[in-house]
Amino acid sequence: EEANKALRLSTLDPTAYLALQGISIANLVMDRFDEAAVASRKTIDANPRFPMGYAWAIIVECGRGDKAKAEALLDQLLASMPGFKREALPSLLSFFPAAIQDKSLALMRSQGIVPSP
């Protein structure tokens, strides 16, 4: 809710993608994957060079059960970060709380985006 308020109060803010990312993550945590997908797309549109936008969009699409879209987003992430490998995707989550990391990894594993341990 606070992120939505921030966006309404500052429509020209060049860092709005960060609030959008927060909305995406919050919706993902609440299993509201369709709302999270909308926010993820807006995050990428607002800053296509922000790798975490792609990472969370991949997780959201896994939650929606859309492996093809998750793979397409992964391809975009890999193209935007030369040298980055699929296997490193879980490391992008390392600074999030364990519960969010676990849920995100489970969603990605469910669609075969990252291998099971």
Protein backbone atom coordinates (compact mmCIF):
# COMPACT_ATOMS: atom_id res chain seq x y z
CA GLU A 1 0.00 0.00 0.00
CA GLU A 2 2.82 2.42 0.86
CA ALA A 3 4.52 1.72 -2.46
CA ASN A 4 1.29 2.48 -4.33
CA LYS A 5 0.99 5.73 -2.38
CA ALA A 6 4.57 6.67 -3.27
CA LEU A 7 3.84 6.12 -6.94
CA ARG A 8 0.73 8.29 -6.81
CA LEU A 9 2.58 11.12 -5.06
CA SER A 10 5.59 11.11 -7.33
CA THR A 11 4.54 10.19 -10.85
CA LEU A 12 7.77 11.46 -12.47
CA ASP A 13 10.20 9.84 -10.04
CA PRO A 14 13.00 8.12 -12.02
CA THR A 15 13.29 5.52 -9.25
CA ALA A 16 9.62 4.51 -9.42
CA TYR A 17 10.72 1.07 -10.61
CA LEU A 18 11.85 0.36 -7.03
CA ALA A 19 8.35 0.96 -5.65
CA LEU A 20 6.91 -1.15 -8.46
CA GLN A 21 9.34 -3.92 -7.54
CA GLY A 22 8.14 -3.71 -3.93
CA ILE A 23 4.55 -4.07 -5.11
CA SER A 24 5.50 -7.09 -7.18
CA ILE A 25 7.28 -8.80 -4.29
CA ALA A 26 4.47 -8.04 -1.85
CA ASN A 27 1.90 -9.53 -4.22
CA LEU A 28 4.09 -12.56 -4.83
CA VAL A 29 4.40 -13.20 -1.09
CA MET A 30 0.59 -13.05 -0.82
CA ASP A 31 0.20 -15.47 -3.78
CA ARG A 32 -1.42 -12.76 -5.88
CA PHE A 33 0.53 -13.70 -8.96
CA ASP A 34 -1.57 -11.84 -11.53
CA GLU A 35 -1.16 -8.55 -9.64
CA ALA A 36 2.53 -9.33 -9.16
CA ALA A 37 2.90 -9.92 -12.91
CA VAL A 38 1.40 -6.51 -13.70
CA ALA A 39 3.81 -4.80 -11.29
CA SER A 40 6.75 -6.83 -12.64
CA ARG A 41 5.99 -5.78 -16.21
CA LYS A 42 5.78 -2.15 -15.08
CA THR A 43 9.10 -2.53 -13.24
CA ILE A 44 10.81 -3.75 -16.40
CA ASP A 45 9.13 -1.05 -18.51
CA ALA A 46 10.27 1.63 -16.05
CA ASN A 47 13.87 0.40 -16.03
CA PRO A 48 14.77 -2.34 -18.51
CA ARG A 49 18.38 -2.30 -17.26
CA PHE A 50 17.41 -3.33 -13.70
CA PRO A 51 18.25 -7.05 -13.44
CA MET A 52 16.19 -7.66 -10.32
CA GLY A 53 13.08 -6.64 -12.25
CA TYR A 54 13.65 -9.61 -14.55
CA ALA A 55 14.51 -11.93 -11.67
CA TRP A 56 11.26 -11.21 -9.84
CA ALA A 57 9.26 -11.35 -13.06
CA ILE A 58 10.70 -14.83 -13.67
CA ILE A 59 9.64 -15.94 -10.19
CA VAL A 60 6.16 -14.45 -10.66
CA GLU A 61 5.67 -16.25 -13.97
CA CYS A 62 6.73 -19.49 -12.31
CA GLY A 63 4.06 -18.82 -9.70
CA ARG A 64 1.55 -18.34 -12.48
CA GLY A 65 2.65 -21.63 -14.02
CA ASP A 66 3.88 -19.99 -17.21
CA LYS A 67 7.23 -21.66 -17.83
CA ALA A 68 7.49 -20.30 -21.37
CA LYS A 69 7.17 -16.71 -20.20
CA ALA A 70 9.62 -17.35 -17.35
CA GLU A 71 12.13 -18.79 -19.84
CA ALA A 72 11.67 -15.79 -22.17
CA LEU A 73 12.31 -13.41 -19.27
CA LEU A 74 15.36 -15.45 -18.27
CA ASP A 75 16.68 -15.08 -21.82
CA GLN A 76 16.21 -11.30 -21.55
CA LEU A 77 18.02 -11.26 -18.20
CA LEU A 78 20.92 -13.30 -19.59
CA ALA A 79 21.16 -11.00 -22.62
CA SER A 80 21.24 -7.91 -20.41
CA MET A 81 23.98 -9.28 -18.13
CA PRO A 82 26.83 -10.78 -20.16
CA GLY A 83 28.50 -13.57 -18.24
CA PHE A 84 25.54 -14.15 -15.93
CA LYS A 85 24.44 -17.78 -15.85
CA ARG A 86 21.10 -19.41 -15.08
CA GLU A 87 22.73 -21.23 -12.16
CA ALA A 88 23.45 -17.89 -10.49
CA LEU A 89 19.78 -16.84 -10.43
CA PRO A 90 19.24 -18.01 -6.82
CA SER A 91 22.18 -15.87 -5.69
CA LEU A 92 20.21 -12.73 -6.64
CA LEU A 93 17.86 -13.54 -3.77
CA SER A 94 20.56 -13.84 -1.12
CA PHE A 95 19.74 -10.57 0.64
CA PHE A 96 16.02 -11.31 1.05
CA PRO A 97 14.55 -13.01 4.13
CA ALA A 98 14.79 -16.80 4.15
CA ALA A 99 11.02 -17.28 3.78
CA ILE A 100 10.98 -15.23 0.57
CA GLN A 101 14.07 -16.98 -0.75
CA ASP A 102 12.58 -20.40 -0.03
CA LYS A 103 9.26 -19.58 -1.66
CA SER A 104 10.96 -18.05 -4.71
CA LEU A 105 13.30 -21.00 -5.16
CA ALA A 106 10.40 -23.46 -4.81
CA LEU A 107 8.45 -21.59 -7.50
CA MET A 108 11.42 -21.57 -9.88
CA ARG A 109 12.12 -25.25 -9.21
CA SER A 110 8.48 -26.12 -9.86
CA GLN A 111 8.90 -24.89 -13.43
CA GLY A 112 12.43 -26.23 -13.94
CA ILE A 113 13.99 -22.77 -14.13
CA VAL A 114 16.56 -23.73 -11.49
CA PRO A 115 17.47 -27.31 -10.59
CA SER A 116 16.41 -28.94 -7.36
CA PRO A 117 19.21 -29.46 -4.85
